[in-house]
Amino acid sequence: MRLIVNGEHAEVTARDLAALVGEMDYGHTHLAIAVNYHVVPRARWAETALKAGDQIEIITPRQGG
């Protein structure tokens, strides 16, 4: 399925948000995720189905100053 992840087109096999996190190798980090501009709580990732064309923003904290 083709999605837009962080502004770039991506071809993925994941069918839900939890699977996408694993497929894109984000499983070990703290994240905030929005699907089509709506933040999805971590508790709902497994039940959040993805559709072709969805826009996903995955935000990770960064240290700096």
PDB file of N, CA and C in Angstrom:
ATOM      1  N   MET A   1       0.851  -1.162   0.000  1.00  0.00           N
ATOM      2  CA  MET A   1       0.000   0.000   0.000  1.00  0.00           C
ATOM      3  C   MET A   1       0.903   1.233   0.000  1.00  0.00           C
ATOM      4  N   ARG A   2       0.478   2.261  -0.685  1.00  0.00           N
ATOM      5  CA  ARG A   2       1.264   3.499  -0.796  1.00  0.00           C
ATOM      6  C   ARG A   2       0.713   4.544   0.180  1.00  0.00           C
ATOM      7  N   LEU A   3       1.603   5.037   1.043  1.00  0.00           N
ATOM      8  CA  LEU A   3       1.273   6.073   2.018  1.00  0.00           C
ATOM      9  C   LEU A   3       2.229   7.241   1.833  1.00  0.00           C
ATOM     10  N   ILE A   4       1.924   8.329   2.500  1.00  0.00           N
ATOM     11  CA  ILE A   4       2.859   9.444   2.596  1.00  0.00           C
ATOM     12  C   ILE A   4       3.314   9.490   4.050  1.00  0.00           C
ATOM     13  N   VAL A   5       4.587   9.216   4.276  1.00  0.00           N
ATOM     14  CA  VAL A   5       5.138   9.172   5.626  1.00  0.00           C
ATOM     15  C   VAL A   5       6.172  10.274   5.757  1.00  0.00           C
ATOM     16  N   ASN A   6       5.916  11.193   6.680  1.00  0.00           N
ATOM     17  CA  ASN A   6       6.807  12.332   6.902  1.00  0.00           C
ATOM     18  C   ASN A   6       7.113  13.069   5.594  1.00  0.00           C
ATOM     19  N   GLY A   7       6.077  13.219   4.778  1.00  0.00           N
ATOM     20  CA  GLY A   7       6.191  13.997   3.550  1.00  0.00           C
ATOM     21  C   GLY A   7       6.735  13.250   2.348  1.00  0.00           C
ATOM     22  N   GLU A   8       7.077  11.974   2.504  1.00  0.00           N
ATOM     23  CA  GLU A   8       7.626  11.200   1.398  1.00  0.00           C
ATOM     24  C   GLU A   8       6.752   9.989   1.108  1.00  0.00           C
ATOM     25  N   HIS A   9       6.639   9.633  -0.159  1.00  0.00           N
ATOM     26  CA  HIS A   9       5.867   8.451  -0.532  1.00  0.00           C
ATOM     27  C   HIS A   9       6.585   7.201  -0.043  1.00  0.00           C
ATOM     28  N   ALA A  10       5.799   6.260   0.492  1.00  0.00           N
ATOM     29  CA  ALA A  10       6.363   5.000   0.987  1.00  0.00           C
ATOM     30  C   ALA A  10       5.431   3.861   0.596  1.00  0.00           C
ATOM     31  N   GLU A  11       6.015   2.775   0.154  1.00  0.00           N
ATOM     32  CA  GLU A  11       5.269   1.559  -0.162  1.00  0.00           C
ATOM     33  C   GLU A  11       5.439   0.622   1.030  1.00  0.00           C
ATOM     34  N   VAL A  12       4.339   0.264   1.691  1.00  0.00           N
ATOM     35  CA  VAL A  12       4.397  -0.554   2.906  1.00  0.00           C
ATOM     36  C   VAL A  12       3.434  -1.729   2.807  1.00  0.00           C
ATOM     37  N   THR A  13       3.671  -2.724   3.652  1.00  0.00           N
ATOM     38  CA  THR A  13       2.759  -3.859   3.745  1.00  0.00           C
ATOM     39  C   THR A  13       1.860  -3.748   4.969  1.00  0.00           C
ATOM     40  N   ALA A  14       2.188  -2.867   5.894  1.00  0.00           N
ATOM     41  CA  ALA A  14       1.426  -2.708   7.141  1.00  0.00           C
ATOM     42  C   ALA A  14      -0.025  -2.322   6.851  1.00  0.00           C
ATOM     43  N   ARG A  15      -0.925  -2.861   7.634  1.00  0.00           N
ATOM     44  CA  ARG A  15      -2.348  -2.554   7.493  1.00  0.00           C
ATOM     45  C   ARG A  15      -2.895  -1.750   8.668  1.00  0.00           C
ATOM     46  N   ASP A  16      -2.071  -1.594   9.722  1.00  0.00           N
ATOM     47  CA  ASP A  16      -2.473  -0.757  10.854  1.00  0.00           C
ATOM     48  C   ASP A  16      -1.258   0.024  11.348  1.00  0.00           C
ATOM     49  N   LEU A  17      -1.504   0.987  12.190  1.00  0.00           N
ATOM     50  CA  LEU A  17      -0.448   1.896  12.634  1.00  0.00           C
ATOM     51  C   LEU A  17       0.631   1.176  13.434  1.00  0.00           C
ATOM     52  N   ALA A  18       0.261   0.237  14.293  1.00  0.00           N
ATOM     53  CA  ALA A  18       1.251  -0.502  15.084  1.00  0.00           C
ATOM     54  C   ALA A  18       2.193  -1.276  14.164  1.00  0.00           C
ATOM     55  N   ALA A  19       1.651  -1.917  13.150  1.00  0.00           N
ATOM     56  CA  ALA A  19       2.479  -2.662  12.201  1.00  0.00           C
ATOM     57  C   ALA A  19       3.394  -1.720  11.419  1.00  0.00           C
ATOM     58  N   LEU A  20       2.908  -0.528  11.094  1.00  0.00           N
ATOM     59  CA  LEU A  20       3.730   0.446  10.374  1.00  0.00           C
ATOM     60  C   LEU A  20       4.937   0.865  11.213  1.00  0.00           C
ATOM     61  N   VAL A  21       4.715   1.090  12.496  1.00  0.00           N
ATOM     62  CA  VAL A  21       5.812   1.465  13.398  1.00  0.00           C
ATOM     63  C   VAL A  21       6.899   0.388  13.369  1.00  0.00           C
ATOM     64  N   GLY A  22       6.493  -0.881  13.436  1.00  0.00           N
ATOM     65  CA  GLY A  22       7.463  -1.969  13.375  1.00  0.00           C
ATOM     66  C   GLY A  22       8.138  -2.073  12.020  1.00  0.00           C
ATOM     67  N   GLU A  23       7.360  -1.951  10.959  1.00  0.00           N
ATOM     68  CA  GLU A  23       7.908  -2.072   9.605  1.00  0.00           C
ATOM     69  C   GLU A  23       8.931  -0.978   9.303  1.00  0.00           C
ATOM     70  N   MET A  24       8.689   0.206   9.842  1.00  0.00           N
ATOM     71  CA  MET A  24       9.600   1.323   9.568  1.00  0.00           C
ATOM     72  C   MET A  24      10.707   1.423  10.612  1.00  0.00           C
ATOM     73  N   ASP A  25      10.791   0.407  11.485  1.00  0.00           N
ATOM     74  CA  ASP A  25      11.867   0.291  12.477  1.00  0.00           C
ATOM     75  C   ASP A  25      11.873   1.419  13.510  1.00  0.00           C
ATOM     76  N   TYR A  26      10.689   1.864  13.923  1.00  0.00           N
ATOM     77  CA  TYR A  26      10.571   2.867  14.980  1.00  0.00           C
ATOM     78  C   TYR A  26      10.204   2.226  16.313  1.00  0.00           C
ATOM     79  N   GLY A  27      10.153   0.905  16.404  1.00  0.00           N
ATOM     80  CA  GLY A  27       9.634   0.209  17.570  1.00  0.00           C
ATOM     81  C   GLY A  27      10.317   0.504  18.888  1.00  0.00           C
ATOM     82  N   HIS A  28      11.532   0.961  18.879  1.00  0.00           N
ATOM     83  CA  HIS A  28      12.292   1.149  20.113  1.00  0.00           C
ATOM     84  C   HIS A  28      12.351   2.607  20.594  1.00  0.00           C
ATOM     85  N   THR A  29      11.661   3.508  19.953  1.00  0.00           N
ATOM     86  CA  THR A  29      11.775   4.920  20.304  1.00  0.00           C
ATOM     87  C   THR A  29      10.451   5.486  20.797  1.00  0.00           C
ATOM     88  N   HIS A  30      10.527   6.625  21.454  1.00  0.00           N
ATOM     89  CA  HIS A  30       9.334   7.357  21.871  1.00  0.00           C
ATOM     90  C   HIS A  30       8.812   8.107  20.652  1.00  0.00           C
ATOM     91  N   LEU A  31       7.504   8.033  20.431  1.00  0.00           N
ATOM     92  CA  LEU A  31       6.921   8.613  19.230  1.00  0.00           C
ATOM     93  C   LEU A  31       5.617   9.333  19.515  1.00  0.00           C
ATOM     94  N   ALA A  32       5.304  10.242  18.646  1.00  0.00           N
ATOM     95  CA  ALA A  32       3.954  10.798  18.513  1.00  0.00           C
ATOM     96  C   ALA A  32       3.605  10.608  17.046  1.00  0.00           C
ATOM     97  N   ILE A  33       2.385  10.154  16.773  1.00  0.00           N
ATOM     98  CA  ILE A  33       1.997   9.881  15.396  1.00  0.00           C
ATOM     99  C   ILE A  33       0.659  10.533  15.091  1.00  0.00           C
ATOM    100  N   ALA A  34       0.595  11.159  13.920  1.00  0.00           N
ATOM    101  CA  ALA A  34      -0.659  11.728  13.425  1.00  0.00           C
ATOM    102  C   ALA A  34      -0.984  11.055  12.096  1.00  0.00           C
ATOM    103  N   VAL A  35      -2.248  10.720  11.929  1.00  0.00           N
ATOM    104  CA  VAL A  35      -2.739  10.158  10.677  1.00  0.00           C
ATOM    105  C   VAL A  35      -3.728  11.158  10.104  1.00  0.00           C
ATOM    106  N   ASN A  36      -3.430  11.664   8.931  1.00  0.00           N
ATOM    107  CA  ASN A  36      -4.270  12.678   8.288  1.00  0.00           C
ATOM    108  C   ASN A  36      -4.558  13.842   9.238  1.00  0.00           C
ATOM    109  N   TYR A  37      -3.501  14.303   9.892  1.00  0.00           N
ATOM    110  CA  TYR A  37      -3.521  15.474  10.774  1.00  0.00           C
ATOM    111  C   TYR A  37      -4.231  15.255  12.104  1.00  0.00           C
ATOM    112  N   HIS A  38      -4.528  14.011  12.480  1.00  0.00           N
ATOM    113  CA  HIS A  38      -5.152  13.700  13.764  1.00  0.00           C
ATOM    114  C   HIS A  38      -4.201  12.831  14.574  1.00  0.00           C
ATOM    115  N   VAL A  39      -3.819  13.314  15.766  1.00  0.00           N
ATOM    116  CA  VAL A  39      -2.920  12.553  16.629  1.00  0.00           C
ATOM    117  C   VAL A  39      -3.640  11.298  17.107  1.00  0.00           C
ATOM    118  N   VAL A  40      -2.928  10.172  17.053  1.00  0.00           N
ATOM    119  CA  VAL A  40      -3.492   8.889  17.468  1.00  0.00           C
ATOM    120  C   VAL A  40      -2.766   8.446  18.736  1.00  0.00           C
ATOM    121  N   PRO A  41      -3.500   8.266  19.845  1.00  0.00           N
ATOM    122  CA  PRO A  41      -2.862   7.791  21.081  1.00  0.00           C
ATOM    123  C   PRO A  41      -2.249   6.401  20.874  1.00  0.00           C
ATOM    124  N   ARG A  42      -1.148   6.139  21.544  1.00  0.00           N
ATOM    125  CA  ARG A  42      -0.447   4.857  21.419  1.00  0.00           C
ATOM    126  C   ARG A  42      -1.378   3.678  21.677  1.00  0.00           C
ATOM    127  N   ALA A  43      -2.290   3.799  22.599  1.00  0.00           N
ATOM    128  CA  ALA A  43      -3.217   2.709  22.925  1.00  0.00           C
ATOM    129  C   ALA A  43      -4.118   2.339  21.745  1.00  0.00           C
ATOM    130  N   ARG A  44      -4.230   3.209  20.746  1.00  0.00           N
ATOM    131  CA  ARG A  44      -5.103   2.947  19.594  1.00  0.00           C
ATOM    132  C   ARG A  44      -4.345   2.604  18.314  1.00  0.00           C
ATOM    133  N   TRP A  45      -3.023   2.498  18.387  1.00  0.00           N
ATOM    134  CA  TRP A  45      -2.237   2.219  17.185  1.00  0.00           C
ATOM    135  C   TRP A  45      -2.642   0.906  16.528  1.00  0.00           C
ATOM    136  N   ALA A  46      -2.825  -0.157  17.304  1.00  0.00           N
ATOM    137  CA  ALA A  46      -3.139  -1.475  16.739  1.00  0.00           C
ATOM    138  C   ALA A  46      -4.509  -1.503  16.087  1.00  0.00           C
ATOM    139  N   GLU A  47      -5.416  -0.656  16.534  1.00  0.00           N
ATOM    140  CA  GLU A  47      -6.774  -0.655  15.970  1.00  0.00           C
ATOM    141  C   GLU A  47      -6.970   0.422  14.911  1.00  0.00           C
ATOM    142  N   THR A  48      -5.935   1.180  14.615  1.00  0.00           N
ATOM    143  CA  THR A  48      -6.036   2.245  13.621  1.00  0.00           C
ATOM    144  C   THR A  48      -5.628   1.709  12.254  1.00  0.00           C
ATOM    145  N   ALA A  49      -6.631   1.402  11.442  1.00  0.00           N
ATOM    146  CA  ALA A  49      -6.392   0.862  10.100  1.00  0.00           C
ATOM    147  C   ALA A  49      -5.852   1.954   9.180  1.00  0.00           C
ATOM    148  N   LEU A  50      -4.977   1.551   8.285  1.00  0.00           N
ATOM    149  CA  LEU A  50      -4.424   2.466   7.303  1.00  0.00           C
ATOM    150  C   LEU A  50      -5.076   2.238   5.946  1.00  0.00           C
ATOM    151  N   LYS A  51      -5.190   3.327   5.180  1.00  0.00           N
ATOM    152  CA  LYS A  51      -5.739   3.259   3.827  1.00  0.00           C
ATOM    153  C   LYS A  51      -4.729   3.888   2.868  1.00  0.00           C
ATOM    154  N   ALA A  52      -4.702   3.391   1.657  1.00  0.00           N
ATOM    155  CA  ALA A  52      -3.804   3.956   0.649  1.00  0.00           C
ATOM    156  C   ALA A  52      -4.010   5.464   0.573  1.00  0.00           C
ATOM    157  N   GLY A  53      -2.909   6.187   0.538  1.00  0.00           N
ATOM    158  CA  GLY A  53      -2.963   7.637   0.437  1.00  0.00           C
ATOM    159  C   GLY A  53      -2.967   8.362   1.772  1.00  0.00           C
ATOM    160  N   ASP A  54      -3.088   7.626   2.889  1.00  0.00           N
ATOM    161  CA  ASP A  54      -3.052   8.282   4.202  1.00  0.00           C
ATOM    162  C   ASP A  54      -1.747   9.046   4.363  1.00  0.00           C
ATOM    163  N   GLN A  55      -1.831  10.166   5.076  1.00  0.00           N
ATOM    164  CA  GLN A  55      -0.652  10.960   5.383  1.00  0.00           C
ATOM    165  C   GLN A  55      -0.296  10.719   6.844  1.00  0.00           C
ATOM    166  N   ILE A  56       0.890  10.192   7.065  1.00  0.00           N
ATOM    167  CA  ILE A  56       1.358   9.828   8.387  1.00  0.00           C
ATOM    168  C   ILE A  56       2.523  10.733   8.761  1.00  0.00           C
ATOM    169  N   GLU A  57       2.453  11.305   9.936  1.00  0.00           N
ATOM    170  CA  GLU A  57       3.584  12.073  10.471  1.00  0.00           C
ATOM    171  C   GLU A  57       4.057  11.354  11.721  1.00  0.00           C
ATOM    172  N   ILE A  58       5.315  10.943  11.721  1.00  0.00           N
ATOM    173  CA  ILE A  58       5.926  10.276  12.867  1.00  0.00           C
ATOM    174  C   ILE A  58       6.947  11.231  13.445  1.00  0.00           C
ATOM    175  N   ILE A  59       6.726  11.608  14.692  1.00  0.00           N
ATOM    176  CA  ILE A  59       7.569  12.617  15.334  1.00  0.00           C
ATOM    177  C   ILE A  59       8.330  11.956  16.478  1.00  0.00           C
ATOM    178  N   THR A  60       9.656  12.126  16.481  1.00  0.00           N
ATOM    179  CA  THR A  60      10.486  11.587  17.547  1.00  0.00           C
ATOM    180  C   THR A  60      11.156  12.755  18.277  1.00  0.00           C
ATOM    181  N   PRO A  61      11.331  12.633  19.593  1.00  0.00           N
ATOM    182  CA  PRO A  61      11.993  13.711  20.336  1.00  0.00           C
ATOM    183  C   PRO A  61      13.473  13.775  19.968  1.00  0.00           C
ATOM    184  N   ARG A  62      14.007  14.970  19.973  1.00  0.00           N
ATOM    185  CA  ARG A  62      15.436  15.161  19.688  1.00  0.00           C
ATOM    186  C   ARG A  62      16.038  16.038  20.764  1.00  0.00           C
ATOM    187  N   GLN A  63      17.257  15.743  21.099  1.00  0.00           N
ATOM    188  CA  GLN A  63      17.969  16.512  22.085  1.00  0.00           C
ATOM    189  C   GLN A  63      18.768  17.591  21.378  1.00  0.00           C
ATOM    190  N   GLY A  64      18.876  18.722  21.992  1.00  0.00           N
ATOM    191  CA  GLY A  64      19.666  19.773  21.373  1.00  0.00           C
ATOM    192  C   GLY A  64      19.426  21.106  22.043  1.00  0.00           C
ATOM    193  N   GLY A  65      19.966  22.108  21.458  1.00  0.00           N
ATOM    194  CA  GLY A  65      19.793  23.401  22.082  1.00  0.00           C
ATOM    195  C   GLY A  65      20.219  24.508  21.181  1.00  0.00           C
TER     196      GLY A  65
END
